[in-house]
Amino acid sequence: MLKHRGFPGRLAGTDFQFTIRRANPKGVTPLTRRERFRDRKPADRRADAGFMEALWQHFGDQPFERGNLDAGRLSWLFEREVVPAEDPFDPASYDALLVIDLDVAKMSFPDIFDGLR
């Protein structure tokens, strides 16, 4: 499992986790699309925005390996702002390649992508 050095481990001042310390010995948690309903708590929305901003700052528009990124946090963005970068895609692999869908990310998080066209 690739560890993304320099990637924040959590949202500052909260317990919202962004990365995991080690691989799960029982198996990899698969990525699944989680629905974000309108009535989500503001703290959850801030965690999504903070994670998206960290992804953008760390990887930009380039494909990246899932590695030690938290499956739960990644699943809130999966198949919307973050999409598979390879075909076939294995959602239960630490080696799976992902990429930010810039058009969708700009619409979902306009504050993060303000200066981009």
PDB file of N, CA and C in Angstrom:
ATOM      1  N   MET A   1       0.846  -1.178   0.000  1.00  0.00           N
ATOM      2  CA  MET A   1       0.000   0.000   0.000  1.00  0.00           C
ATOM      3  C   MET A   1       0.892   1.242   0.000  1.00  0.00           C
ATOM      4  N   LEU A   2       0.671   2.087  -0.984  1.00  0.00           N
ATOM      5  CA  LEU A   2       1.411   3.338  -1.100  1.00  0.00           C
ATOM      6  C   LEU A   2       0.929   4.326  -0.037  1.00  0.00           C
ATOM      7  N   LYS A   3       1.877   4.923   0.687  1.00  0.00           N
ATOM      8  CA  LYS A   3       1.533   5.973   1.645  1.00  0.00           C
ATOM      9  C   LYS A   3       1.831   7.314   1.001  1.00  0.00           C
ATOM     10  N   HIS A   4       0.822   8.160   0.940  1.00  0.00           N
ATOM     11  CA  HIS A   4       0.953   9.474   0.316  1.00  0.00           C
ATOM     12  C   HIS A   4       1.586  10.441   1.314  1.00  0.00           C
ATOM     13  N   ARG A   5       2.881  10.583   1.226  1.00  0.00           N
ATOM     14  CA  ARG A   5       3.621  11.473   2.134  1.00  0.00           C
ATOM     15  C   ARG A   5       3.200  12.923   1.884  1.00  0.00           C
ATOM     16  N   GLY A   6       2.979  13.637   2.980  1.00  0.00           N
ATOM     17  CA  GLY A   6       2.598  15.037   2.874  1.00  0.00           C
ATOM     18  C   GLY A   6       1.097  15.255   2.781  1.00  0.00           C
ATOM     19  N   PHE A   7       0.327  14.178   2.593  1.00  0.00           N
ATOM     20  CA  PHE A   7      -1.127  14.304   2.540  1.00  0.00           C
ATOM     21  C   PHE A   7      -1.639  14.408   3.975  1.00  0.00           C
ATOM     22  N   PRO A   8      -2.550  15.341   4.272  1.00  0.00           N
ATOM     23  CA  PRO A   8      -3.034  15.485   5.655  1.00  0.00           C
ATOM     24  C   PRO A   8      -3.741  14.216   6.140  1.00  0.00           C
ATOM     25  N   GLY A   9      -3.495  13.841   7.370  1.00  0.00           N
ATOM     26  CA  GLY A   9      -4.099  12.641   7.945  1.00  0.00           C
ATOM     27  C   GLY A   9      -5.553  12.830   8.319  1.00  0.00           C
ATOM     28  N   ARG A  10      -5.939  14.072   8.582  1.00  0.00           N
ATOM     29  CA  ARG A  10      -7.324  14.362   8.979  1.00  0.00           C
ATOM     30  C   ARG A  10      -7.608  15.835   8.762  1.00  0.00           C
ATOM     31  N   LEU A  11      -8.879  16.196   8.847  1.00  0.00           N
ATOM     32  CA  LEU A  11      -9.273  17.600   8.763  1.00  0.00           C
ATOM     33  C   LEU A  11      -8.837  18.279  10.051  1.00  0.00           C
ATOM     34  N   ALA A  12      -8.113  19.347   9.942  1.00  0.00           N
ATOM     35  CA  ALA A  12      -7.575  20.037  11.111  1.00  0.00           C
ATOM     36  C   ALA A  12      -8.663  20.362  12.128  1.00  0.00           C
ATOM     37  N   GLY A  13      -8.396  20.049  13.377  1.00  0.00           N
ATOM     38  CA  GLY A  13      -9.310  20.370  14.463  1.00  0.00           C
ATOM     39  C   GLY A  13     -10.500  19.434  14.589  1.00  0.00           C
ATOM     40  N   THR A  14     -10.522  18.347  13.830  1.00  0.00           N
ATOM     41  CA  THR A  14     -11.651  17.399  13.879  1.00  0.00           C
ATOM     42  C   THR A  14     -11.126  15.967  13.924  1.00  0.00           C
ATOM     43  N   ASP A  15     -12.041  15.032  14.011  1.00  0.00           N
ATOM     44  CA  ASP A  15     -11.698  13.609  13.934  1.00  0.00           C
ATOM     45  C   ASP A  15     -12.043  13.016  12.572  1.00  0.00           C
ATOM     46  N   PHE A  16     -12.277  13.859  11.571  1.00  0.00           N
ATOM     47  CA  PHE A  16     -12.561  13.352  10.228  1.00  0.00           C
ATOM     48  C   PHE A  16     -11.258  12.874   9.593  1.00  0.00           C
ATOM     49  N   GLN A  17     -11.153  11.569   9.431  1.00  0.00           N
ATOM     50  CA  GLN A  17      -9.938  10.925   8.951  1.00  0.00           C
ATOM     51  C   GLN A  17      -9.833  10.993   7.433  1.00  0.00           C
ATOM     52  N   PHE A  18      -8.621  11.281   6.929  1.00  0.00           N
ATOM     53  CA  PHE A  18      -8.350  11.322   5.490  1.00  0.00           C
ATOM     54  C   PHE A  18      -7.492  10.146   5.033  1.00  0.00           C
ATOM     55  N   THR A  19      -6.631   9.643   5.919  1.00  0.00           N
ATOM     56  CA  THR A  19      -5.743   8.535   5.553  1.00  0.00           C
ATOM     57  C   THR A  19      -5.807   7.439   6.609  1.00  0.00           C
ATOM     58  N   ILE A  20      -5.311   6.256   6.231  1.00  0.00           N
ATOM     59  CA  ILE A  20      -5.205   5.156   7.171  1.00  0.00           C
ATOM     60  C   ILE A  20      -3.728   4.879   7.422  1.00  0.00           C
ATOM     61  N   ARG A  21      -3.429   4.282   8.547  1.00  0.00           N
ATOM     62  CA  ARG A  21      -2.025   4.043   8.907  1.00  0.00           C
ATOM     63  C   ARG A  21      -1.449   2.813   8.235  1.00  0.00           C
ATOM     64  N   ARG A  22      -2.255   1.751   8.179  1.00  0.00           N
ATOM     65  CA  ARG A  22      -1.748   0.505   7.600  1.00  0.00           C
ATOM     66  C   ARG A  22      -2.867  -0.233   6.882  1.00  0.00           C
ATOM     67  N   ALA A  23      -2.461  -1.157   6.040  1.00  0.00           N
ATOM     68  CA  ALA A  23      -3.423  -1.950   5.273  1.00  0.00           C
ATOM     69  C   ALA A  23      -4.261  -2.811   6.219  1.00  0.00           C
ATOM     70  N   ASN A  24      -5.504  -3.021   5.858  1.00  0.00           N
ATOM     71  CA  ASN A  24      -6.409  -3.849   6.640  1.00  0.00           C
ATOM     72  C   ASN A  24      -6.042  -5.319   6.433  1.00  0.00           C
ATOM     73  N   PRO A  25      -5.668  -6.039   7.499  1.00  0.00           N
ATOM     74  CA  PRO A  25      -5.272  -7.443   7.326  1.00  0.00           C
ATOM     75  C   PRO A  25      -6.436  -8.344   6.904  1.00  0.00           C
ATOM     76  N   LYS A  26      -7.676  -7.915   7.124  1.00  0.00           N
ATOM     77  CA  LYS A  26      -8.847  -8.710   6.749  1.00  0.00           C
ATOM     78  C   LYS A  26      -9.260  -8.496   5.299  1.00  0.00           C
ATOM     79  N   GLY A  27      -8.650  -7.544   4.638  1.00  0.00           N
ATOM     80  CA  GLY A  27      -8.995  -7.247   3.253  1.00  0.00           C
ATOM     81  C   GLY A  27      -9.232  -5.766   3.049  1.00  0.00           C
ATOM     82  N   VAL A  28      -9.160  -5.357   1.812  1.00  0.00           N
ATOM     83  CA  VAL A  28      -9.294  -3.949   1.462  1.00  0.00           C
ATOM     84  C   VAL A  28     -10.770  -3.547   1.480  1.00  0.00           C
ATOM     85  N   THR A  29     -11.077  -2.421   2.109  1.00  0.00           N
ATOM     86  CA  THR A  29     -12.440  -1.906   2.081  1.00  0.00           C
ATOM     87  C   THR A  29     -12.719  -1.356   0.690  1.00  0.00           C
ATOM     88  N   PRO A  30     -13.731  -1.897  -0.003  1.00  0.00           N
ATOM     89  CA  PRO A  30     -13.996  -1.416  -1.368  1.00  0.00           C
ATOM     90  C   PRO A  30     -14.584  -0.008  -1.372  1.00  0.00           C
ATOM     91  N   LEU A  31     -14.287   0.731  -2.439  1.00  0.00           N
ATOM     92  CA  LEU A  31     -14.891   2.048  -2.636  1.00  0.00           C
ATOM     93  C   LEU A  31     -16.304   1.846  -3.155  1.00  0.00           C
ATOM     94  N   THR A  32     -17.237   2.588  -2.592  1.00  0.00           N
ATOM     95  CA  THR A  32     -18.628   2.553  -3.053  1.00  0.00           C
ATOM     96  C   THR A  32     -19.136   3.982  -3.106  1.00  0.00           C
ATOM     97  N   ARG A  33     -20.071   4.234  -3.985  1.00  0.00           N
ATOM     98  CA  ARG A  33     -20.645   5.578  -4.080  1.00  0.00           C
ATOM     99  C   ARG A  33     -21.616   5.779  -2.922  1.00  0.00           C
ATOM    100  N   ARG A  34     -21.392   6.810  -2.128  1.00  0.00           N
ATOM    101  CA  ARG A  34     -22.292   7.161  -1.026  1.00  0.00           C
ATOM    102  C   ARG A  34     -23.083   8.389  -1.434  1.00  0.00           C
ATOM    103  N   GLU A  35     -24.364   8.345  -1.195  1.00  0.00           N
ATOM    104  CA  GLU A  35     -25.224   9.475  -1.538  1.00  0.00           C
ATOM    105  C   GLU A  35     -25.050  10.606  -0.525  1.00  0.00           C
ATOM    106  N   ARG A  36     -24.892  11.812  -1.038  1.00  0.00           N
ATOM    107  CA  ARG A  36     -24.803  12.997  -0.184  1.00  0.00           C
ATOM    108  C   ARG A  36     -26.148  13.712  -0.246  1.00  0.00           C
ATOM    109  N   PHE A  37     -26.911  13.575   0.824  1.00  0.00           N
ATOM    110  CA  PHE A  37     -28.229  14.197   0.868  1.00  0.00           C
ATOM    111  C   PHE A  37     -28.116  15.651   1.314  1.00  0.00           C
ATOM    112  N   ARG A  38     -29.112  16.442   0.968  1.00  0.00           N
ATOM    113  CA  ARG A  38     -29.108  17.877   1.249  1.00  0.00           C
ATOM    114  C   ARG A  38     -29.051  18.189   2.740  1.00  0.00           C
ATOM    115  N   ASP A  39     -29.547  17.287   3.582  1.00  0.00           N
ATOM    116  CA  ASP A  39     -29.621  17.561   5.013  1.00  0.00           C
ATOM    117  C   ASP A  39     -28.386  17.087   5.795  1.00  0.00           C
ATOM    118  N   ARG A  40     -27.256  16.871   5.092  1.00  0.00           N
ATOM    119  CA  ARG A  40     -26.028  16.482   5.797  1.00  0.00           C
ATOM    120  C   ARG A  40     -25.572  17.603   6.711  1.00  0.00           C
ATOM    121  N   LYS A  41     -24.917  17.209   7.780  1.00  0.00           N
ATOM    122  CA  LYS A  41     -24.435  18.183   8.764  1.00  0.00           C
ATOM    123  C   LYS A  41     -23.352  19.072   8.138  1.00  0.00           C
ATOM    124  N   PRO A  42     -23.289  20.328   8.573  1.00  0.00           N
ATOM    125  CA  PRO A  42     -22.246  21.238   8.065  1.00  0.00           C
ATOM    126  C   PRO A  42     -20.830  20.695   8.281  1.00  0.00           C
ATOM    127  N   ALA A  43     -20.602  20.003   9.382  1.00  0.00           N
ATOM    128  CA  ALA A  43     -19.273  19.436   9.642  1.00  0.00           C
ATOM    129  C   ALA A  43     -18.909  18.400   8.583  1.00  0.00           C
ATOM    130  N   ASP A  44     -19.887  17.589   8.172  1.00  0.00           N
ATOM    131  CA  ASP A  44     -19.640  16.588   7.122  1.00  0.00           C
ATOM    132  C   ASP A  44     -19.329  17.274   5.793  1.00  0.00           C
ATOM    133  N   ARG A  45     -20.023  18.339   5.515  1.00  0.00           N
ATOM    134  CA  ARG A  45     -19.767  19.088   4.276  1.00  0.00           C
ATOM    135  C   ARG A  45     -18.370  19.713   4.279  1.00  0.00           C
ATOM    136  N   ARG A  46     -17.960  20.231   5.445  1.00  0.00           N
ATOM    137  CA  ARG A  46     -16.608  20.787   5.565  1.00  0.00           C
ATOM    138  C   ARG A  46     -15.550  19.704   5.374  1.00  0.00           C
ATOM    139  N   ALA A  47     -15.828  18.509   5.886  1.00  0.00           N
ATOM    140  CA  ALA A  47     -14.885  17.393   5.722  1.00  0.00           C
ATOM    141  C   ALA A  47     -14.756  17.020   4.249  1.00  0.00           C
ATOM    142  N   ASP A  48     -15.871  16.980   3.527  1.00  0.00           N
ATOM    143  CA  ASP A  48     -15.822  16.695   2.084  1.00  0.00           C
ATOM    144  C   ASP A  48     -15.001  17.749   1.356  1.00  0.00           C
ATOM    145  N   ALA A  49     -15.260  19.017   1.677  1.00  0.00           N
ATOM    146  CA  ALA A  49     -14.545  20.110   1.015  1.00  0.00           C
ATOM    147  C   ALA A  49     -13.059  20.081   1.374  1.00  0.00           C
ATOM    148  N   GLY A  50     -12.744  19.812   2.636  1.00  0.00           N
ATOM    149  CA  GLY A  50     -11.348  19.741   3.050  1.00  0.00           C
ATOM    150  C   GLY A  50     -10.611  18.592   2.374  1.00  0.00           C
ATOM    151  N   PHE A  51     -11.279  17.451   2.234  1.00  0.00           N
ATOM    152  CA  PHE A  51     -10.670  16.302   1.566  1.00  0.00           C
ATOM    153  C   PHE A  51     -10.476  16.588   0.080  1.00  0.00           C
ATOM    154  N   MET A  52     -11.481  17.192  -0.555  1.00  0.00           N
ATOM    155  CA  MET A  52     -11.361  17.532  -1.977  1.00  0.00           C
ATOM    156  C   MET A  52     -10.219  18.521  -2.185  1.00  0.00           C
ATOM    157  N   GLU A  53     -10.099  19.496  -1.314  1.00  0.00           N
ATOM    158  CA  GLU A  53      -9.022  20.480  -1.433  1.00  0.00           C
ATOM    159  C   GLU A  53      -7.654  19.810  -1.270  1.00  0.00           C
ATOM    160  N   ALA A  54      -7.547  18.880  -0.321  1.00  0.00           N
ATOM    161  CA  ALA A  54      -6.282  18.162  -0.122  1.00  0.00           C
ATOM    162  C   ALA A  54      -5.941  17.316  -1.351  1.00  0.00           C
ATOM    163  N   LEU A  55      -6.953  16.654  -1.931  1.00  0.00           N
ATOM    164  CA  LEU A  55      -6.720  15.873  -3.155  1.00  0.00           C
ATOM    165  C   LEU A  55      -6.217  16.774  -4.279  1.00  0.00           C
ATOM    166  N   TRP A  56      -6.861  17.918  -4.448  1.00  0.00           N
ATOM    167  CA  TRP A  56      -6.494  18.836  -5.523  1.00  0.00           C
ATOM    168  C   TRP A  56      -5.080  19.373  -5.322  1.00  0.00           C
ATOM    169  N   GLN A  57      -4.756  19.781  -4.096  1.00  0.00           N
ATOM    170  CA  GLN A  57      -3.427  20.324  -3.828  1.00  0.00           C
ATOM    171  C   GLN A  57      -2.344  19.263  -3.976  1.00  0.00           C
ATOM    172  N   HIS A  58      -2.658  18.035  -3.620  1.00  0.00           N
ATOM    173  CA  HIS A  58      -1.647  16.975  -3.646  1.00  0.00           C
ATOM    174  C   HIS A  58      -1.477  16.343  -5.033  1.00  0.00           C
ATOM    175  N   PHE A  59      -2.596  16.155  -5.760  1.00  0.00           N
ATOM    176  CA  PHE A  59      -2.543  15.427  -7.030  1.00  0.00           C
ATOM    177  C   PHE A  59      -2.892  16.262  -8.261  1.00  0.00           C
ATOM    178  N   GLY A  60      -3.619  17.345  -8.074  1.00  0.00           N
ATOM    179  CA  GLY A  60      -4.038  18.145  -9.224  1.00  0.00           C
ATOM    180  C   GLY A  60      -4.932  17.327 -10.146  1.00  0.00           C
ATOM    181  N   ASP A  61      -4.739  17.497 -11.457  1.00  0.00           N
ATOM    182  CA  ASP A  61      -5.585  16.788 -12.422  1.00  0.00           C
ATOM    183  C   ASP A  61      -4.956  15.476 -12.897  1.00  0.00           C
ATOM    184  N   GLN A  62      -3.899  15.021 -12.204  1.00  0.00           N
ATOM    185  CA  GLN A  62      -3.198  13.798 -12.592  1.00  0.00           C
ATOM    186  C   GLN A  62      -3.803  12.574 -11.907  1.00  0.00           C
ATOM    187  N   PRO A  63      -3.757  11.414 -12.568  1.00  0.00           N
ATOM    188  CA  PRO A  63      -4.220  10.181 -11.923  1.00  0.00           C
ATOM    189  C   PRO A  63      -3.374   9.885 -10.676  1.00  0.00           C
ATOM    190  N   PHE A  64      -4.010   9.294  -9.669  1.00  0.00           N
ATOM    191  CA  PHE A  64      -3.299   8.962  -8.434  1.00  0.00           C
ATOM    192  C   PHE A  64      -3.743   7.596  -7.931  1.00  0.00           C
ATOM    193  N   GLU A  65      -2.843   6.959  -7.204  1.00  0.00           N
ATOM    194  CA  GLU A  65      -3.113   5.652  -6.628  1.00  0.00           C
ATOM    195  C   GLU A  65      -3.904   5.831  -5.336  1.00  0.00           C
ATOM    196  N   ARG A  66      -4.860   4.950  -5.103  1.00  0.00           N
ATOM    197  CA  ARG A  66      -5.666   5.027  -3.882  1.00  0.00           C
ATOM    198  C   ARG A  66      -4.784   4.957  -2.646  1.00  0.00           C
ATOM    199  N   GLY A  67      -3.882   4.012  -2.582  1.00  0.00           N
ATOM    200  CA  GLY A  67      -2.936   3.905  -1.480  1.00  0.00           C
ATOM    201  C   GLY A  67      -3.592   3.957  -0.119  1.00  0.00           C
ATOM    202  N   ASN A  68      -3.088   4.842   0.750  1.00  0.00           N
ATOM    203  CA  ASN A  68      -3.584   4.902   2.120  1.00  0.00           C
ATOM    204  C   ASN A  68      -4.711   5.918   2.332  1.00  0.00           C
ATOM    205  N   LEU A  69      -5.343   6.357   1.251  1.00  0.00           N
ATOM    206  CA  LEU A  69      -6.485   7.270   1.395  1.00  0.00           C
ATOM    207  C   LEU A  69      -7.660   6.507   1.996  1.00  0.00           C
ATOM    208  N   ASP A  70      -8.349   7.121   2.939  1.00  0.00           N
ATOM    209  CA  ASP A  70      -9.440   6.477   3.656  1.00  0.00           C
ATOM    210  C   ASP A  70     -10.606   6.152   2.726  1.00  0.00           C
ATOM    211  N   ALA A  71     -11.029   4.885   2.712  1.00  0.00           N
ATOM    212  CA  ALA A  71     -12.108   4.440   1.820  1.00  0.00           C
ATOM    213  C   ALA A  71     -13.432   5.125   2.144  1.00  0.00           C
ATOM    214  N   GLY A  72     -13.711   5.318   3.414  1.00  0.00           N
ATOM    215  CA  GLY A  72     -14.965   5.968   3.795  1.00  0.00           C
ATOM    216  C   GLY A  72     -15.041   7.395   3.298  1.00  0.00           C
ATOM    217  N   ARG A  73     -13.981   8.158   3.495  1.00  0.00           N
ATOM    218  CA  ARG A  73     -13.958   9.555   3.060  1.00  0.00           C
ATOM    219  C   ARG A  73     -13.952   9.639   1.543  1.00  0.00           C
ATOM    220  N   LEU A  74     -13.193   8.753   0.890  1.00  0.00           N
ATOM    221  CA  LEU A  74     -13.121   8.745  -0.571  1.00  0.00           C
ATOM    222  C   LEU A  74     -14.466   8.361  -1.187  1.00  0.00           C
ATOM    223  N   SER A  75     -15.214   7.505  -0.498  1.00  0.00           N
ATOM    224  CA  SER A  75     -16.506   7.056  -1.030  1.00  0.00           C
ATOM    225  C   SER A  75     -17.533   8.179  -1.124  1.00  0.00           C
ATOM    226  N   TRP A  76     -17.386   9.223  -0.289  1.00  0.00           N
ATOM    227  CA  TRP A  76     -18.315  10.359  -0.383  1.00  0.00           C
ATOM    228  C   TRP A  76     -18.125  11.133  -1.687  1.00  0.00           C
ATOM    229  N   LEU A  77     -16.954  11.001  -2.315  1.00  0.00           N
ATOM    230  CA  LEU A  77     -16.663  11.710  -3.566  1.00  0.00           C
ATOM    231  C   LEU A  77     -16.638  10.767  -4.776  1.00  0.00           C
ATOM    232  N   PHE A  78     -16.587   9.465  -4.521  1.00  0.00           N
ATOM    233  CA  PHE A  78     -16.398   8.466  -5.565  1.00  0.00           C
ATOM    234  C   PHE A  78     -17.556   8.451  -6.566  1.00  0.00           C
ATOM    235  N   GLU A  79     -17.205   8.337  -7.830  1.00  0.00           N
ATOM    236  CA  GLU A  79     -18.116   8.317  -8.983  1.00  0.00           C
ATOM    237  C   GLU A  79     -18.832   9.643  -9.206  1.00  0.00           C
ATOM    238  N   ARG A  80     -18.340  10.700  -8.590  1.00  0.00           N
ATOM    239  CA  ARG A  80     -18.794  12.063  -8.863  1.00  0.00           C
ATOM    240  C   ARG A  80     -17.548  12.902  -9.118  1.00  0.00           C
ATOM    241  N   GLU A  81     -16.958  13.440  -8.055  1.00  0.00           N
ATOM    242  CA  GLU A  81     -15.764  14.274  -8.199  1.00  0.00           C
ATOM    243  C   GLU A  81     -14.495  13.448  -8.417  1.00  0.00           C
ATOM    244  N   VAL A  82     -14.473  12.244  -7.902  1.00  0.00           N
ATOM    245  CA  VAL A  82     -13.329  11.335  -8.068  1.00  0.00           C
ATOM    246  C   VAL A  82     -13.819  10.099  -8.812  1.00  0.00           C
ATOM    247  N   VAL A  83     -13.188   9.823  -9.946  1.00  0.00           N
ATOM    248  CA  VAL A  83     -13.630   8.711 -10.801  1.00  0.00           C
ATOM    249  C   VAL A  83     -12.458   7.769 -11.089  1.00  0.00           C
ATOM    250  N   PRO A  84     -12.767   6.530 -11.489  1.00  0.00           N
ATOM    251  CA  PRO A  84     -11.699   5.599 -11.857  1.00  0.00           C
ATOM    252  C   PRO A  84     -10.883   6.132 -13.032  1.00  0.00           C
ATOM    253  N   ALA A  85      -9.570   5.899 -12.987  1.00  0.00           N
ATOM    254  CA  ALA A  85      -8.688   6.347 -14.062  1.00  0.00           C
ATOM    255  C   ALA A  85      -8.193   5.169 -14.888  1.00  0.00           C
ATOM    256  N   GLU A  86      -8.757   3.997 -14.654  1.00  0.00           N
ATOM    257  CA  GLU A  86      -8.337   2.809 -15.393  1.00  0.00           C
ATOM    258  C   GLU A  86      -9.540   1.913 -15.651  1.00  0.00           C
ATOM    259  N   ASP A  87      -9.406   1.087 -16.662  1.00  0.00           N
ATOM    260  CA  ASP A  87     -10.454   0.139 -17.003  1.00  0.00           C
ATOM    261  C   ASP A  87      -9.787  -1.189 -17.319  1.00  0.00           C
ATOM    262  N   PRO A  88     -10.055  -2.257 -16.641  1.00  0.00           N
ATOM    263  CA  PRO A  88     -11.044  -2.407 -15.569  1.00  0.00           C
ATOM    264  C   PRO A  88     -10.551  -1.785 -14.259  1.00  0.00           C
ATOM    265  N   PHE A  89     -11.514  -1.396 -13.434  1.00  0.00           N
ATOM    266  CA  PHE A  89     -11.231  -0.761 -12.151  1.00  0.00           C
ATOM    267  C   PHE A  89     -11.591  -1.729 -11.033  1.00  0.00           C
ATOM    268  N   ASP A  90     -10.690  -1.892 -10.081  1.00  0.00           N
ATOM    269  CA  ASP A  90     -10.944  -2.744  -8.918  1.00  0.00           C
ATOM    270  C   ASP A  90     -11.172  -1.847  -7.703  1.00  0.00           C
ATOM    271  N   PRO A  91     -12.420  -1.722  -7.239  1.00  0.00           N
ATOM    272  CA  PRO A  91     -12.702  -0.837  -6.107  1.00  0.00           C
ATOM    273  C   PRO A  91     -12.128  -1.352  -4.788  1.00  0.00           C
ATOM    274  N   ALA A  92     -11.668  -2.607  -4.757  1.00  0.00           N
ATOM    275  CA  ALA A  92     -11.110  -3.194  -3.543  1.00  0.00           C
ATOM    276  C   ALA A  92      -9.601  -3.389  -3.669  1.00  0.00           C
ATOM    277  N   SER A  93      -8.913  -2.422  -4.255  1.00  0.00           N
ATOM    278  CA  SER A  93      -7.470  -2.507  -4.420  1.00  0.00           C
ATOM    279  C   SER A  93      -6.813  -1.208  -3.964  1.00  0.00           C
ATOM    280  N   TYR A  94      -5.750  -1.344  -3.181  1.00  0.00           N
ATOM    281  CA  TYR A  94      -4.983  -0.166  -2.781  1.00  0.00           C
ATOM    282  C   TYR A  94      -4.217   0.413  -3.971  1.00  0.00           C
ATOM    283  N   ASP A  95      -4.032  -0.403  -5.025  1.00  0.00           N
ATOM    284  CA  ASP A  95      -3.297   0.039  -6.214  1.00  0.00           C
ATOM    285  C   ASP A  95      -4.182   0.689  -7.274  1.00  0.00           C
ATOM    286  N   ALA A  96      -5.490   0.757  -7.040  1.00  0.00           N
ATOM    287  CA  ALA A  96      -6.427   1.314  -8.016  1.00  0.00           C
ATOM    288  C   ALA A  96      -6.086   2.774  -8.316  1.00  0.00           C
ATOM    289  N   LEU A  97      -6.195   3.134  -9.597  1.00  0.00           N
ATOM    290  CA  LEU A  97      -5.918   4.512 -10.010  1.00  0.00           C
ATOM    291  C   LEU A  97      -7.209   5.315 -10.102  1.00  0.00           C
ATOM    292  N   LEU A  98      -7.160   6.524  -9.559  1.00  0.00           N
ATOM    293  CA  LEU A  98      -8.295   7.446  -9.552  1.00  0.00           C
ATOM    294  C   LEU A  98      -7.850   8.771 -10.129  1.00  0.00           C
ATOM    295  N   VAL A  99      -8.820   9.605 -10.496  1.00  0.00           N
ATOM    296  CA  VAL A  99      -8.526  10.938 -10.997  1.00  0.00           C
ATOM    297  C   VAL A  99      -9.691  11.856 -10.623  1.00  0.00           C
ATOM    298  N   ILE A 100      -9.390  13.132 -10.442  1.00  0.00           N
ATOM    299  CA  ILE A 100     -10.434  14.119 -10.140  1.00  0.00           C
ATOM    300  C   ILE A 100     -11.124  14.504 -11.440  1.00  0.00           C
ATOM    301  N   ASP A 101     -12.462  14.415 -11.455  1.00  0.00           N
ATOM    302  CA  ASP A 101     -13.261  14.892 -12.580  1.00  0.00           C
ATOM    303  C   ASP A 101     -13.438  16.393 -12.353  1.00  0.00           C
ATOM    304  N   LEU A 102     -12.621  17.174 -12.999  1.00  0.00           N
ATOM    305  CA  LEU A 102     -12.527  18.607 -12.741  1.00  0.00           C
ATOM    306  C   LEU A 102     -13.839  19.345 -12.967  1.00  0.00           C
ATOM    307  N   ASP A 103     -14.583  18.985 -14.009  1.00  0.00           N
ATOM    308  CA  ASP A 103     -15.848  19.674 -14.287  1.00  0.00           C
ATOM    309  C   ASP A 103     -16.849  19.482 -13.152  1.00  0.00           C
ATOM    310  N   VAL A 104     -16.982  18.264 -12.669  1.00  0.00           N
ATOM    311  CA  VAL A 104     -17.919  17.975 -11.576  1.00  0.00           C
ATOM    312  C   VAL A 104     -17.413  18.597 -10.277  1.00  0.00           C
ATOM    313  N   ALA A 105     -16.111  18.497 -10.029  1.00  0.00           N
ATOM    314  CA  ALA A 105     -15.531  19.049  -8.800  1.00  0.00           C
ATOM    315  C   ALA A 105     -15.719  20.569  -8.726  1.00  0.00           C
ATOM    316  N   LYS A 106     -15.576  21.252  -9.855  1.00  0.00           N
ATOM    317  CA  LYS A 106     -15.771  22.709  -9.880  1.00  0.00           C
ATOM    318  C   LYS A 106     -17.205  23.078  -9.516  1.00  0.00           C
ATOM    319  N   MET A 107     -18.160  22.287  -9.982  1.00  0.00           N
ATOM    320  CA  MET A 107     -19.567  22.570  -9.664  1.00  0.00           C
ATOM    321  C   MET A 107     -19.886  22.251  -8.207  1.00  0.00           C
ATOM    322  N   SER A 108     -19.307  21.189  -7.670  1.00  0.00           N
ATOM    323  CA  SER A 108     -19.602  20.770  -6.305  1.00  0.00           C
ATOM    324  C   SER A 108     -18.883  21.617  -5.257  1.00  0.00           C
ATOM    325  N   PHE A 109     -17.653  22.038  -5.572  1.00  0.00           N
ATOM    326  CA  PHE A 109     -16.833  22.793  -4.625  1.00  0.00           C
ATOM    327  C   PHE A 109     -16.263  24.044  -5.293  1.00  0.00           C
ATOM    328  N   PRO A 110     -17.116  25.007  -5.615  1.00  0.00           N
ATOM    329  CA  PRO A 110     -16.653  26.187  -6.354  1.00  0.00           C
ATOM    330  C   PRO A 110     -15.608  27.009  -5.597  1.00  0.00           C
ATOM    331  N   ASP A 111     -15.639  27.014  -4.274  1.00  0.00           N
ATOM    332  CA  ASP A 111     -14.665  27.799  -3.498  1.00  0.00           C
ATOM    333  C   ASP A 111     -13.246  27.280  -3.682  1.00  0.00           C
ATOM    334  N   ILE A 112     -13.092  25.984  -3.869  1.00  0.00           N
ATOM    335  CA  ILE A 112     -11.769  25.387  -4.005  1.00  0.00           C
ATOM    336  C   ILE A 112     -11.190  25.690  -5.386  1.00  0.00           C
ATOM    337  N   PHE A 113     -12.044  25.671  -6.398  1.00  0.00           N
ATOM    338  CA  PHE A 113     -11.589  25.800  -7.780  1.00  0.00           C
ATOM    339  C   PHE A 113     -11.911  27.164  -8.355  1.00  0.00           C
ATOM    340  N   ASP A 114     -11.987  28.185  -7.498  1.00  0.00           N
ATOM    341  CA  ASP A 114     -12.386  29.531  -7.874  1.00  0.00           C
ATOM    342  C   ASP A 114     -11.588  30.112  -9.034  1.00  0.00           C
ATOM    343  N   GLY A 115     -10.267  30.010  -8.985  1.00  0.00           N
ATOM    344  CA  GLY A 115      -9.437  30.648  -9.998  1.00  0.00           C
ATOM    345  C   GLY A 115      -9.287  29.857 -11.287  1.00  0.00           C
ATOM    346  N   LEU A 116      -9.811  28.638 -11.335  1.00  0.00           N
ATOM    347  CA  LEU A 116      -9.682  27.811 -12.544  1.00  0.00           C
ATOM    348  C   LEU A 116     -10.800  28.103 -13.526  1.00  0.00           C
ATOM    349  N   ARG A 117     -10.495  27.923 -14.779  1.00  0.00           N
ATOM    350  CA  ARG A 117     -11.507  28.104 -15.826  1.00  0.00           C
ATOM    351  C   ARG A 117     -12.082  26.783 -16.225  1.00  0.00           C
TER     352      ARG A 117
END
